[in-house]
Amino acid sequence: MTVSAATALITPPDLAPGVLRIVPLGGLGEIGRNMAVFELDGKLLIVDCGVLFPEETQPGVDLILPDFSYIEDRLDDVVGLVLTHGHEDHIGAVPYLLRHKKDIPLIGSQLTLALIEAKLQEHRITPYTLTVTEGQIEQFGPFECEFVAVNHSIPDALAVFIRTVAGNVLHTGDFKMDQLPLDGRITDLRAFARLGEEGVDLFMVDSTNADVPGFTTAEREIGPVLNRLFGQVTKRIIVASFSSHIHRVQQVLDAAEAHGRFVCFAGRSMVRNMTIAAKLGYLKVPEGILVDIKNVDSLPDDKVVLMSTGSQGEPMAALSRMANGDHRITVGKGDTVILASSLIPGNENAVFRVINGLLKLGADVIHKGNEKVHVSGHAAAGELLYCYNILKPRNVMPVHGETRHLIANARLAEQIGIPTENVLLTDDGSVIDLVNGVARVVGAVECGFVYVDGSSIGEITDADLKDRRILGEEGFISIVTVVNRSTGKIVSGPDIHARGFAEDDSVFDEIKPQLNAALEEAVRSNKDHTVYQLQQVVRRVIGTWVNRRYRRRPMIIPVVLEA
């Protein structure tokens, strides 16, 4: 397999006429912020524009965006943004891209565009959109796009086949090959076979479950399990899922109706998305089954089902707040919580913290580990092998996954006979050129994380996050000292205060004489000492003492004033 040169940041050559350039700006080496830019003859086509959710090592961060700097000064050249489906890791960054240029055309299925339009409304952006369906062919500058139905954990997902003078690219988006989908809409393997006959020069394929053998379990197997569980529970039921998992919500509605329960949507995104899905006919809501959250407490516990957000342990989502006792819904003994989702890598600790909180409150917690309450929306190894054999692509570029997923997918491609040099194992920021059926990594561009922190976008750096981690894990010490430079004596202080480090500031009494002596010696030895240099003396003395005495490395803020 060809390994990307992204880490070396080799400057790619100028793009020659008739050559198709592909630059992934996210989604490689991570589960999220999926985005790929296609360039040909001066025009750009973008596929997906999603967000990545922060890990515990990124305190205070709300979202992580793709790095738009590669295309920021070329947005007038963008002929369209194709959205393969409506999950946040594929559409969540669209509002932030449109802040730079609001009239970039958005292309996607009916449901996908409805979800992004609702999101954009919150950002006060009215987009220009084009609704497409499977089998439809549209021309966007030098790119001819044919859309293909694929099955996923959200309805209306599409793969996109991009025809160009340089070659043909099939981008699957997220997909699986469920042969008994709830909505009857399967991945169109007949179309895949036809496109394979035409010729797929580059296959950009979902890798999330490439390291899982066999085939992904059918969604239909979840319904009977939920129905059985609903029949066993005598108090409240809380089901947590992704706010866009319409199929799972449909199964919850059906089970609730069968057992005479009412359903309440908890969580702003859940309410918004299910309202849209019901309005467009993707969600069939039984008459009279929905109740407002304000009225839940007036119903008997055995008549209530709460459909909630927070399956990934997000701190502000409804389920996390219930676990913390910070939600209007109180979870208690005998209630049952069903986590109907997979764990996104990096969220494990947050999810386990929520589970522990719910168990402490007396709830029973059911999850994928002890009941079949969720199946993945991504193709496992057996399904991917089917696709490779049907398509017979000339070149393969695994996308959407952590490094282990990408490598597993690359090995599958090699197993069915694709030459090793034609399997491109790439990173975010890699630059791939395709021409005459040959795809090669030709360089890389800067492609960092862009952090959203409240209203701040891109202003938080990795250094800031390091400081936050130190503050959160090691504590904070401030030292204020006033020095008379002419006499070399300490006039006032040192006043030492700590947060998150020790219960009582009196622990610093033993180091104060040593600190005073070090400062006075520094002033006597060099009358031209700068304030910064004196502050460094304070930092060194306190830091060494704290590390030796407590084995801690807190953030130290020394302040030295001159009298």
Protein backbone atom coordinates (compact mmCIF):
# COMPACT_ATOMS: atom_id res chain seq x y z
CA MET A 1 0.00 0.00 0.00
CA THR A 2 1.18 3.52 -0.72
CA VAL A 3 1.62 5.50 2.50
CA SER A 4 0.86 9.22 2.52
CA ALA A 5 3.59 11.83 2.65
CA ALA A 6 1.37 14.15 4.70
CA THR A 7 3.62 14.12 7.73
CA ALA A 8 6.51 15.41 5.63
CA LEU A 9 4.39 18.26 4.22
CA ILE A 10 5.91 17.90 0.76
CA THR A 11 4.65 20.80 -1.35
CA PRO A 12 2.58 19.34 -4.22
CA PRO A 13 3.40 20.38 -7.77
CA ASP A 14 1.22 22.81 -9.68
CA LEU A 15 -1.87 21.05 -10.95
CA ALA A 16 -1.61 20.29 -14.66
CA PRO A 17 -4.62 20.64 -16.97
CA GLY A 18 -6.74 17.51 -17.16
CA VAL A 19 -5.45 16.09 -13.84
CA LEU A 20 -7.91 15.47 -11.00
CA ARG A 21 -6.58 16.41 -7.57
CA ILE A 22 -8.15 15.05 -4.37
CA VAL A 23 -7.36 16.58 -0.98
CA PRO A 24 -9.04 15.07 2.12
CA LEU A 25 -9.38 17.78 4.77
CA GLY A 26 -10.78 15.46 7.43
CA GLY A 27 -12.05 11.97 8.18
CA LEU A 28 -8.75 10.11 7.79
CA GLY A 29 -7.32 8.86 11.07
CA GLU A 30 -10.44 9.95 12.97
CA ILE A 31 -14.17 9.27 13.15
CA GLY A 32 -15.53 12.65 12.14
CA ARG A 33 -15.03 15.94 10.25
CA ASN A 34 -15.33 14.16 6.92
CA MET A 35 -14.48 16.42 4.00
CA ALA A 36 -12.80 15.90 0.61
CA VAL A 37 -11.98 18.51 -2.03
CA PHE A 38 -11.80 17.59 -5.73
CA GLU A 39 -10.03 19.98 -8.09
CA LEU A 40 -9.97 19.93 -11.88
CA ASP A 41 -9.15 22.69 -14.38
CA GLY A 42 -9.50 25.46 -11.81
CA LYS A 43 -12.81 24.31 -10.29
CA LEU A 44 -13.50 22.70 -6.93
CA LEU A 45 -16.11 20.17 -5.85
CA ILE A 46 -16.46 19.35 -2.15
CA VAL A 47 -17.90 16.10 -0.77
CA ASP A 48 -19.17 16.39 2.83
CA CYS A 49 -18.26 18.93 5.47
CA GLY A 50 -18.60 17.46 8.95
CA VAL A 51 -17.49 17.98 12.53
CA LEU A 52 -15.46 15.92 14.96
CA PHE A 53 -16.56 15.81 18.59
CA PRO A 54 -13.89 16.58 21.21
CA GLU A 55 -12.22 14.06 23.48
CA GLU A 56 -11.45 14.48 27.17
CA THR A 57 -7.98 15.75 26.26
CA GLN A 58 -9.59 18.79 24.61
CA PRO A 59 -11.32 20.51 27.56
CA GLY A 60 -13.72 23.34 26.79
CA VAL A 61 -13.90 22.53 23.07
CA ASP A 62 -17.41 22.24 21.63
CA LEU A 63 -16.61 21.04 18.10
CA ILE A 64 -13.64 20.43 15.83
CA LEU A 65 -13.87 21.59 12.21
CA PRO A 66 -11.96 20.69 9.06
CA ASP A 67 -9.21 23.15 8.23
CA PHE A 68 -10.65 25.36 5.47
CA SER A 69 -7.40 27.28 4.89
CA TYR A 70 -6.56 25.20 1.79
CA ILE A 71 -9.66 26.50 -0.03
CA GLU A 72 -10.40 29.71 1.88
CA ASP A 73 -9.13 32.03 -0.87
CA ARG A 74 -10.72 29.91 -3.64
CA LEU A 75 -14.33 29.67 -2.56
CA ASP A 76 -15.45 31.41 -5.75
CA ASP A 77 -14.15 28.36 -7.62
CA VAL A 78 -16.38 25.92 -5.67
CA VAL A 79 -19.08 24.58 -7.99
CA GLY A 80 -20.90 22.59 -5.31
CA LEU A 81 -20.85 20.86 -1.94
CA VAL A 82 -22.23 17.31 -2.13
CA LEU A 83 -23.60 16.00 1.18
CA THR A 84 -23.81 12.21 1.22
CA HIS A 85 -26.14 12.01 4.25
CA GLY A 86 -27.37 13.93 7.27
CA HIS A 87 -25.11 12.84 10.13
CA GLU A 88 -23.21 15.55 12.02
CA ASP A 89 -19.81 14.14 11.07
CA HIS A 90 -20.75 14.85 7.43
CA ILE A 91 -22.85 18.05 7.59
CA GLY A 92 -22.04 19.66 10.95
CA ALA A 93 -19.35 22.03 9.65
CA VAL A 94 -21.42 23.38 6.75
CA PRO A 95 -22.57 26.49 8.68
CA TYR A 96 -18.96 27.39 9.42
CA LEU A 97 -17.94 27.01 5.77
CA LEU A 98 -20.91 29.07 4.58
CA ARG A 99 -19.88 31.87 6.92
CA HIS A 100 -17.05 32.43 4.44
CA LYS A 101 -19.32 32.25 1.36
CA LYS A 102 -23.06 31.82 1.82
CA ASP A 103 -24.02 30.89 -1.76
CA ILE A 104 -21.99 27.70 -2.15
CA PRO A 105 -24.56 25.29 -3.68
CA LEU A 106 -25.51 22.42 -1.36
CA ILE A 107 -26.40 19.17 -3.12
CA GLY A 108 -28.04 16.26 -1.33
CA SER A 109 -31.14 14.15 -0.78
CA GLN A 110 -34.41 15.55 0.56
CA LEU A 111 -33.83 14.53 4.16
CA THR A 112 -30.17 15.53 4.19
CA LEU A 113 -30.96 19.02 2.93
CA ALA A 114 -33.89 19.40 5.33
CA LEU A 115 -31.59 18.62 8.27
CA ILE A 116 -28.89 21.04 7.15
CA GLU A 117 -31.42 23.77 6.34
CA ALA A 118 -32.78 23.55 9.90
CA LYS A 119 -29.24 23.82 11.25
CA LEU A 120 -28.44 26.77 8.99
CA GLN A 121 -31.59 28.54 10.12
CA GLU A 122 -30.10 28.66 13.62
CA HIS A 123 -27.05 30.36 12.07
CA ARG A 124 -29.32 32.74 10.12
CA ILE A 125 -28.09 31.45 6.76
CA THR A 126 -30.44 30.68 3.87
CA PRO A 127 -28.60 28.26 1.58
CA TYR A 128 -28.82 27.62 -2.14
CA THR A 129 -29.73 23.94 -2.48
CA LEU A 130 -30.32 21.28 -5.11
CA THR A 131 -32.25 18.16 -4.13
CA VAL A 132 -31.13 14.98 -5.88
CA THR A 133 -32.26 11.36 -5.80
CA GLU A 134 -30.63 8.05 -6.65
CA GLY A 135 -30.03 7.61 -10.37
CA GLN A 136 -29.95 11.36 -10.99
CA ILE A 137 -27.04 12.83 -12.96
CA GLU A 138 -25.99 16.47 -12.61
CA GLN A 139 -23.14 18.50 -14.10
CA PHE A 140 -21.16 20.82 -11.82
CA GLY A 141 -18.47 22.53 -13.85
CA PRO A 142 -16.06 19.81 -15.06
CA PHE A 143 -17.58 17.25 -12.67
CA GLU A 144 -20.48 15.01 -13.72
CA CYS A 145 -22.05 13.50 -10.61
CA GLU A 146 -24.30 10.44 -10.57
CA PHE A 147 -25.99 9.64 -7.27
CA VAL A 148 -26.40 6.08 -6.02
CA ALA A 149 -28.66 4.83 -3.21
CA VAL A 150 -26.80 3.37 -0.25
CA ASN A 151 -28.15 1.96 3.00
CA HIS A 152 -26.98 3.53 6.26
CA SER A 153 -28.28 4.22 9.77
CA ILE A 154 -30.09 7.32 8.47
CA PRO A 155 -32.51 7.34 5.51
CA ASP A 156 -31.75 8.91 2.14
CA ALA A 157 -27.98 8.33 2.12
CA LEU A 158 -26.23 8.59 -1.25
CA ALA A 159 -22.92 7.57 -2.77
CA VAL A 160 -21.60 9.84 -5.52
CA PHE A 161 -19.93 8.74 -8.76
CA ILE A 162 -17.81 11.58 -10.15
CA ARG A 163 -16.99 11.43 -13.85
CA THR A 164 -14.15 13.61 -15.14
CA VAL A 165 -11.76 13.75 -18.08
CA ALA A 166 -9.05 12.48 -15.69
CA GLY A 167 -11.01 9.43 -14.55
CA ASN A 168 -13.98 8.28 -12.51
CA VAL A 169 -14.22 8.35 -8.73
CA LEU A 170 -16.81 6.54 -6.59
CA HIS A 171 -17.19 7.99 -3.09
CA THR A 172 -19.43 5.79 -0.94
CA GLY A 173 -20.05 8.15 1.96
CA ASP A 174 -21.12 5.99 4.90
CA PHE A 175 -22.85 2.77 3.91
CA LYS A 176 -23.63 -0.85 4.67
CA MET A 177 -25.42 -3.64 2.78
CA ASP A 178 -28.41 -4.44 4.98
CA GLN A 179 -30.57 -6.74 2.84
CA LEU A 180 -33.68 -6.21 4.98
CA PRO A 181 -33.67 -2.46 5.73
CA LEU A 182 -36.58 -0.97 7.63
CA ASP A 183 -37.37 1.45 4.81
CA GLY A 184 -36.81 -1.09 2.02
CA ARG A 185 -34.03 1.02 0.49
CA ILE A 186 -30.96 -1.16 -0.08
CA THR A 187 -27.50 -0.28 -1.30
CA ASP A 188 -27.86 -0.36 -5.08
CA LEU A 189 -25.43 -3.10 -6.04
CA ARG A 190 -26.85 -3.20 -9.57
CA ALA A 191 -25.71 0.40 -9.99
CA PHE A 192 -22.34 -0.49 -8.44
CA ALA A 193 -21.95 -3.31 -10.98
CA ARG A 194 -22.84 -0.97 -13.86
CA LEU A 195 -20.34 1.62 -12.65
CA GLY A 196 -17.74 -1.11 -12.26
CA GLU A 197 -18.27 -2.05 -15.92
CA GLU A 198 -17.84 1.61 -16.88
CA GLY A 199 -14.64 1.78 -14.85
CA VAL A 200 -13.86 3.04 -11.35
CA ASP A 201 -10.44 4.67 -11.39
CA LEU A 202 -10.53 5.57 -7.69
CA PHE A 203 -12.72 4.00 -5.03
CA MET A 204 -13.03 6.14 -1.87
CA VAL A 205 -14.67 3.72 0.54
CA ASP A 206 -16.01 3.81 4.12
CA SER A 207 -13.57 2.05 6.48
CA THR A 208 -15.27 2.26 9.90
CA ASN A 209 -16.00 -1.48 10.20
CA ALA A 210 -13.24 -2.79 7.95
CA ASP A 211 -11.67 -4.60 10.90
CA VAL A 212 -14.95 -6.36 11.77
CA PRO A 213 -15.26 -9.77 10.07
CA GLY A 214 -18.40 -10.94 8.31
CA PHE A 215 -21.51 -8.85 7.74
CA THR A 216 -23.24 -6.15 9.75
CA THR A 217 -26.38 -7.35 11.56
CA ALA A 218 -29.69 -6.29 10.01
CA GLU A 219 -31.61 -3.42 11.63
CA ARG A 220 -34.73 -5.63 11.75
CA GLU A 221 -33.14 -7.73 14.50
CA ILE A 222 -33.30 -4.81 16.93
CA GLY A 223 -37.11 -4.42 16.87
CA PRO A 224 -37.95 -7.75 18.61
CA VAL A 225 -35.33 -7.09 21.30
CA LEU A 226 -36.80 -3.66 22.07
CA ASN A 227 -40.30 -5.15 22.06
CA ARG A 228 -39.25 -7.83 24.58
CA LEU A 229 -37.51 -5.31 26.84
CA PHE A 230 -40.50 -2.95 26.78
CA GLY A 231 -42.69 -5.84 27.89
CA GLN A 232 -40.45 -6.58 30.88
CA VAL A 233 -40.01 -3.08 32.31
CA THR A 234 -42.55 -1.88 34.87
CA LYS A 235 -41.36 1.71 35.28
CA ARG A 236 -40.00 4.40 32.98
CA ILE A 237 -37.95 3.56 29.90
CA ILE A 238 -35.30 5.96 28.59
CA VAL A 239 -33.77 5.18 25.20
CA ALA A 240 -30.67 7.14 24.20
CA SER A 241 -29.60 7.30 20.56
CA PHE A 242 -28.13 9.63 17.99
CA SER A 243 -30.58 12.43 17.33
CA SER A 244 -30.59 11.56 13.61
CA HIS A 245 -31.12 7.79 13.94
CA ILE A 246 -34.63 7.79 12.50
CA HIS A 247 -34.77 4.00 12.08
CA ARG A 248 -34.05 3.44 15.76
CA VAL A 249 -36.62 6.04 16.81
CA GLN A 250 -39.18 4.31 14.57
CA GLN A 251 -38.52 1.01 16.34
CA VAL A 252 -38.95 2.71 19.72
CA LEU A 253 -42.26 4.26 18.60
CA ASP A 254 -43.50 0.87 17.37
CA ALA A 255 -42.51 -0.91 20.61
CA ALA A 256 -44.09 1.84 22.71
CA GLU A 257 -47.35 1.62 20.78
CA ALA A 258 -47.41 -2.17 21.19
CA HIS A 259 -47.11 -1.83 24.97
CA GLY A 260 -49.41 1.13 25.50
CA ARG A 261 -46.73 3.66 26.32
CA PHE A 262 -46.42 7.33 25.39
CA VAL A 263 -43.18 8.71 23.92
CA CYS A 264 -41.49 11.99 24.76
CA PHE A 265 -38.53 13.38 22.82
CA ALA A 266 -35.83 14.78 25.13
CA GLY A 267 -33.08 16.95 23.72
CA ARG A 268 -33.30 19.90 21.33
CA SER A 269 -31.67 18.14 18.36
CA MET A 270 -33.87 15.06 18.86
CA VAL A 271 -37.03 17.17 18.81
CA ARG A 272 -35.86 19.12 15.75
CA ASN A 273 -34.73 16.13 13.69
CA MET A 274 -37.74 13.93 14.45
CA THR A 275 -40.11 16.79 13.64
CA ILE A 276 -38.44 17.11 10.25
CA ALA A 277 -38.43 13.34 9.66
CA ALA A 278 -42.13 13.04 10.53
CA LYS A 279 -43.06 16.01 8.34
CA LEU A 280 -41.27 14.48 5.33
CA GLY A 281 -42.70 11.01 5.91
CA TYR A 282 -39.48 9.26 6.95
CA LEU A 283 -40.86 8.69 10.46
CA LYS A 284 -44.30 7.15 10.97
CA VAL A 285 -45.68 8.49 14.25
CA PRO A 286 -48.71 6.61 15.68
CA GLU A 287 -51.64 8.90 16.42
CA GLY A 288 -51.60 10.39 19.93
CA ILE A 289 -48.40 8.65 21.07
CA LEU A 290 -46.23 11.76 21.52
CA VAL A 291 -46.36 13.81 24.71
CA ASP A 292 -44.62 17.05 25.66
CA ILE A 293 -41.85 16.76 28.22
CA LYS A 294 -43.77 19.18 30.46
CA ASN A 295 -46.54 16.60 30.85
CA VAL A 296 -44.41 13.51 31.48
CA ASP A 297 -44.63 13.70 35.28
CA SER A 298 -48.41 13.53 35.13
CA LEU A 299 -48.30 10.07 33.49
CA PRO A 300 -47.86 6.74 35.31
CA ASP A 301 -44.26 5.49 35.13
CA ASP A 302 -45.29 2.36 33.25
CA LYS A 303 -46.76 4.50 30.46
CA VAL A 304 -43.63 6.56 29.69
CA VAL A 305 -40.81 6.20 27.15
CA LEU A 306 -38.26 9.00 26.83
CA MET A 307 -36.33 9.14 23.55
CA SER A 308 -33.20 11.03 24.48
CA THR A 309 -29.94 12.43 23.14
CA GLY A 310 -26.64 11.77 24.90
CA SER A 311 -25.71 8.24 23.86
CA GLN A 312 -22.05 9.32 23.54
CA GLY A 313 -21.82 10.85 27.01
CA GLU A 314 -21.93 14.44 25.74
CA PRO A 315 -21.88 16.55 28.92
CA MET A 316 -24.73 18.90 27.93
CA ALA A 317 -26.97 16.26 26.32
CA ALA A 318 -30.17 15.15 28.02
CA LEU A 319 -28.96 11.74 29.25
CA SER A 320 -25.78 13.10 30.84
CA ARG A 321 -27.78 15.72 32.66
CA MET A 322 -30.22 13.06 33.90
CA ALA A 323 -27.27 11.03 35.20
CA ASN A 324 -25.98 14.13 37.01
CA GLY A 325 -29.39 15.00 38.46
CA ASP A 326 -29.40 18.21 36.42
CA HIS A 327 -32.46 17.55 34.22
CA ARG A 328 -36.17 18.00 34.71
CA ILE A 329 -36.52 14.22 34.25
CA THR A 330 -35.50 12.40 37.43
CA VAL A 331 -34.10 8.90 36.98
CA GLY A 332 -34.76 6.52 39.87
CA LYS A 333 -34.85 2.95 41.06
CA GLY A 334 -36.58 0.58 38.64
CA ASP A 335 -36.21 2.85 35.61
CA THR A 336 -34.51 1.28 32.58
CA VAL A 337 -32.05 3.13 30.35
CA ILE A 338 -31.28 1.65 26.92
CA LEU A 339 -28.17 2.93 25.13
CA ALA A 340 -29.10 2.21 21.51
CA SER A 341 -25.83 3.22 19.89
CA SER A 342 -22.24 2.21 19.28
CA LEU A 343 -19.37 3.81 21.12
CA ILE A 344 -17.51 6.32 18.98
CA PRO A 345 -13.78 5.86 19.70
CA GLY A 346 -12.64 8.45 22.21
CA ASN A 347 -16.00 8.65 23.99
CA GLU A 348 -15.61 5.53 26.11
CA ASN A 349 -14.81 7.25 29.42
CA ALA A 350 -17.61 9.77 29.02
CA VAL A 351 -20.16 7.03 28.28
CA PHE A 352 -19.01 4.84 31.16
CA ARG A 353 -19.25 7.86 33.47
CA VAL A 354 -22.89 8.34 32.43
CA ILE A 355 -23.62 4.61 32.88
CA ASN A 356 -22.11 4.69 36.38
CA GLY A 357 -24.13 7.77 37.25
CA LEU A 358 -27.36 6.11 36.13
CA LEU A 359 -26.58 2.92 38.04
CA LYS A 360 -25.95 4.93 41.22
CA LEU A 361 -29.42 6.43 40.82
CA GLY A 362 -30.86 2.90 40.81
CA ALA A 363 -31.59 2.54 37.09
CA ASP A 364 -31.00 -0.60 35.05
CA VAL A 365 -28.73 0.15 32.08
CA ILE A 366 -28.93 -1.91 28.90
CA HIS A 367 -26.38 -1.44 26.13
CA LYS A 368 -24.87 -3.15 23.12
CA GLY A 369 -22.62 -5.19 25.39
CA ASN A 370 -25.46 -7.01 27.17
CA GLU A 371 -28.35 -6.90 24.67
CA LYS A 372 -28.72 -6.53 20.92
CA VAL A 373 -30.07 -2.96 21.09
CA HIS A 374 -27.96 -1.47 18.31
CA VAL A 375 -26.32 -2.43 15.04
CA SER A 376 -23.73 -0.47 13.13
CA GLY A 377 -24.46 1.63 10.07
CA HIS A 378 -21.19 0.70 8.39
CA ALA A 379 -20.16 -2.18 6.13
CA ALA A 380 -18.10 -4.93 7.74
CA ALA A 381 -15.23 -6.73 6.00
CA GLY A 382 -17.44 -9.23 4.16
CA GLU A 383 -19.55 -6.46 2.63
CA LEU A 384 -16.49 -4.48 1.60
CA LEU A 385 -15.05 -7.54 -0.16
CA TYR A 386 -18.30 -7.88 -2.10
CA CYS A 387 -17.99 -4.26 -3.23
CA TYR A 388 -14.38 -4.68 -4.29
CA ASN A 389 -15.26 -7.73 -6.36
CA ILE A 390 -18.25 -6.03 -7.96
CA LEU A 391 -16.47 -2.77 -8.77
CA LYS A 392 -12.93 -4.00 -9.58
CA PRO A 393 -11.51 -0.50 -8.96
CA ARG A 394 -8.12 0.42 -10.38
CA ASN A 395 -7.13 2.39 -7.26
CA VAL A 396 -8.49 2.36 -3.72
CA MET A 397 -8.37 5.08 -1.06
CA PRO A 398 -9.86 4.03 2.29
CA VAL A 399 -11.67 6.93 3.99
CA HIS A 400 -13.74 7.55 7.13
CA GLY A 401 -11.95 5.82 9.98
CA GLU A 402 -9.11 5.75 12.42
CA THR A 403 -5.73 4.55 11.21
CA ARG A 404 -6.49 0.94 12.23
CA HIS A 405 -9.68 1.01 10.14
CA LEU A 406 -7.92 2.48 7.10
CA ILE A 407 -5.16 -0.13 7.27
CA ALA A 408 -7.69 -2.98 7.64
CA ASN A 409 -9.57 -1.69 4.59
CA ALA A 410 -6.36 -1.37 2.58
CA ARG A 411 -5.53 -5.00 3.35
CA LEU A 412 -8.95 -6.12 2.14
CA ALA A 413 -8.32 -4.34 -1.16
CA GLU A 414 -4.97 -6.08 -1.52
CA GLN A 415 -6.54 -9.47 -0.73
CA ILE A 416 -8.81 -9.30 -3.77
CA GLY A 417 -5.87 -8.53 -6.05
CA ILE A 418 -5.59 -4.75 -6.25
CA PRO A 419 -1.87 -3.98 -6.66
CA THR A 420 -0.24 -2.71 -3.48
CA GLU A 421 0.96 0.47 -5.16
CA ASN A 422 -2.64 1.28 -6.12
CA VAL A 423 -3.93 1.18 -2.53
CA LEU A 424 -3.45 4.66 -1.08
CA LEU A 425 -3.19 4.87 2.69
CA THR A 426 -3.46 8.61 3.27
CA ASP A 427 -3.80 11.25 5.99
CA ASP A 428 -5.75 14.47 6.28
CA GLY A 429 -4.03 17.01 4.06
CA SER A 430 -2.58 14.46 1.63
CA VAL A 431 -2.67 15.50 -2.02
CA ILE A 432 -3.61 12.77 -4.49
CA ASP A 433 -3.48 13.26 -8.26
CA LEU A 434 -5.46 11.03 -10.64
CA VAL A 435 -4.82 10.86 -14.39
CA ASN A 436 -4.95 8.07 -16.99
CA GLY A 437 -6.11 5.55 -14.41
CA VAL A 438 -3.16 6.19 -12.10
CA ALA A 439 -3.63 7.71 -8.61
CA ARG A 440 -0.59 8.76 -6.59
CA VAL A 441 0.17 10.83 -3.49
CA VAL A 442 2.11 13.85 -4.74
CA GLY A 443 2.45 15.92 -1.57
CA ALA A 444 0.57 17.36 1.34
CA VAL A 445 -0.86 20.64 2.63
CA GLU A 446 -1.27 22.06 6.13
CA CYS A 447 -4.39 20.54 7.68
CA GLY A 448 -4.78 21.08 11.40
CA PHE A 449 -7.66 20.96 13.85
CA VAL A 450 -9.88 24.05 14.03
CA TYR A 451 -11.50 24.27 17.46
CA VAL A 452 -14.89 25.81 18.18
CA ASP A 453 -15.07 27.10 21.75
CA GLY A 454 -18.30 28.99 22.36
CA SER A 455 -18.34 31.83 19.86
CA SER A 456 -14.60 31.48 19.22
CA ILE A 457 -13.64 29.64 16.03
CA GLY A 458 -10.02 28.76 15.33
CA GLU A 459 -8.61 30.96 18.08
CA ILE A 460 -7.94 28.10 20.50
CA THR A 461 -4.58 26.43 19.86
CA ASP A 462 -3.06 23.12 20.95
CA ALA A 463 -0.94 25.14 23.41
CA ASP A 464 -4.13 26.54 24.95
CA LEU A 465 -5.52 23.03 25.33
CA LYS A 466 -2.28 21.91 26.98
CA ASP A 467 -2.65 24.76 29.50
CA ARG A 468 -6.26 23.72 30.14
CA ARG A 469 -5.22 20.12 30.73
CA ILE A 470 -2.56 21.24 33.20
CA LEU A 471 -5.07 23.42 35.01
CA GLY A 472 -7.58 20.58 35.16
CA GLU A 473 -5.15 17.83 36.13
CA GLU A 474 -2.32 19.47 38.09
CA GLY A 475 -3.78 22.68 39.52
CA PHE A 476 -2.76 26.32 39.55
CA ILE A 477 -0.38 28.33 41.77
CA SER A 478 -0.04 32.11 41.73
CA ILE A 479 2.79 33.96 43.51
CA VAL A 480 2.84 37.74 43.97
CA THR A 481 6.03 39.39 45.27
CA VAL A 482 7.10 43.04 45.52
CA VAL A 483 10.86 43.69 45.25
CA ASN A 484 12.81 46.90 45.94
CA ARG A 485 15.44 46.85 43.23
CA SER A 486 17.67 49.49 44.86
CA THR A 487 17.94 47.67 48.21
CA GLY A 488 17.49 44.18 46.84
CA LYS A 489 14.96 43.38 49.56
CA ILE A 490 11.51 41.84 49.43
CA VAL A 491 9.02 44.57 50.29
CA SER A 492 5.89 42.43 50.27
CA GLY A 493 5.09 38.77 49.87
CA PRO A 494 5.42 36.31 48.53
CA ASP A 495 1.65 35.83 48.61
CA ILE A 496 1.00 32.32 47.35
CA HIS A 497 -2.43 31.00 46.42
CA ALA A 498 -3.34 27.67 44.83
CA ARG A 499 -6.40 26.17 43.21
CA GLY A 500 -6.86 22.47 42.57
CA PHE A 501 -3.55 21.75 44.27
CA ALA A 502 -3.75 21.77 48.07
CA GLU A 503 -6.43 22.26 50.67
CA ASP A 504 -4.57 24.97 52.55
CA ASP A 505 -2.15 27.59 51.22
CA SER A 506 -0.17 27.22 54.45
CA VAL A 507 1.68 24.28 52.86
CA PHE A 508 3.78 26.91 51.05
CA ASP A 509 5.10 28.46 54.29
CA GLU A 510 8.20 26.25 54.27
CA ILE A 511 9.25 27.35 50.76
CA LYS A 512 8.76 31.10 51.28
CA PRO A 513 12.15 31.72 52.97
CA GLN A 514 13.95 29.86 50.18
CA LEU A 515 12.00 31.84 47.57
CA ASN A 516 12.84 35.17 49.24
CA ALA A 517 16.49 34.25 49.45
CA ALA A 518 16.61 33.27 45.76
CA LEU A 519 14.96 36.55 44.69
CA GLU A 520 17.22 38.73 46.87
CA GLU A 521 20.29 36.90 45.60
CA ALA A 522 19.14 37.39 41.98
CA VAL A 523 18.68 41.16 42.51
CA ARG A 524 22.02 41.57 44.37
CA SER A 525 23.98 39.62 41.75
CA ASN A 526 22.58 41.61 38.84
CA LYS A 527 20.94 44.99 39.30
CA ASP A 528 19.86 44.91 35.64
CA HIS A 529 17.66 41.84 36.07
CA THR A 530 14.40 42.23 34.13
CA VAL A 531 11.07 41.55 35.77
CA TYR A 532 10.69 38.55 33.46
CA GLN A 533 13.98 37.08 34.70
CA LEU A 534 12.89 37.50 38.31
CA GLN A 535 9.61 35.81 37.51
CA GLN A 536 11.55 32.88 36.08
CA VAL A 537 13.48 32.61 39.35
CA VAL A 538 10.16 32.34 41.19
CA ARG A 539 8.84 29.79 38.71
CA ARG A 540 11.99 27.64 39.00
CA VAL A 541 12.11 27.61 42.80
CA ILE A 542 8.39 26.90 43.27
CA GLY A 543 8.27 24.37 40.42
CA THR A 544 11.25 22.39 41.69
CA TRP A 545 9.88 22.30 45.26
CA VAL A 546 6.38 21.28 44.23
CA ASN A 547 7.67 18.55 41.92
CA ARG A 548 10.05 17.13 44.55
CA ARG A 549 7.58 17.36 47.43
CA TYR A 550 4.27 16.49 45.74
CA ARG A 551 5.21 14.94 42.37
CA ARG A 552 2.95 17.49 40.67
CA ARG A 553 3.48 19.91 37.79
CA PRO A 554 0.86 22.65 38.30
CA MET A 555 0.58 25.77 36.21
CA ILE A 556 2.69 28.43 37.93
CA ILE A 557 1.92 32.12 37.43
CA PRO A 558 4.61 34.30 39.05
CA VAL A 559 4.03 38.06 39.38
CA VAL A 560 6.98 40.22 40.46
CA LEU A 561 6.38 43.92 41.05
CA GLU A 562 9.02 46.58 41.63
CA ALA A 563 8.68 49.05 44.50
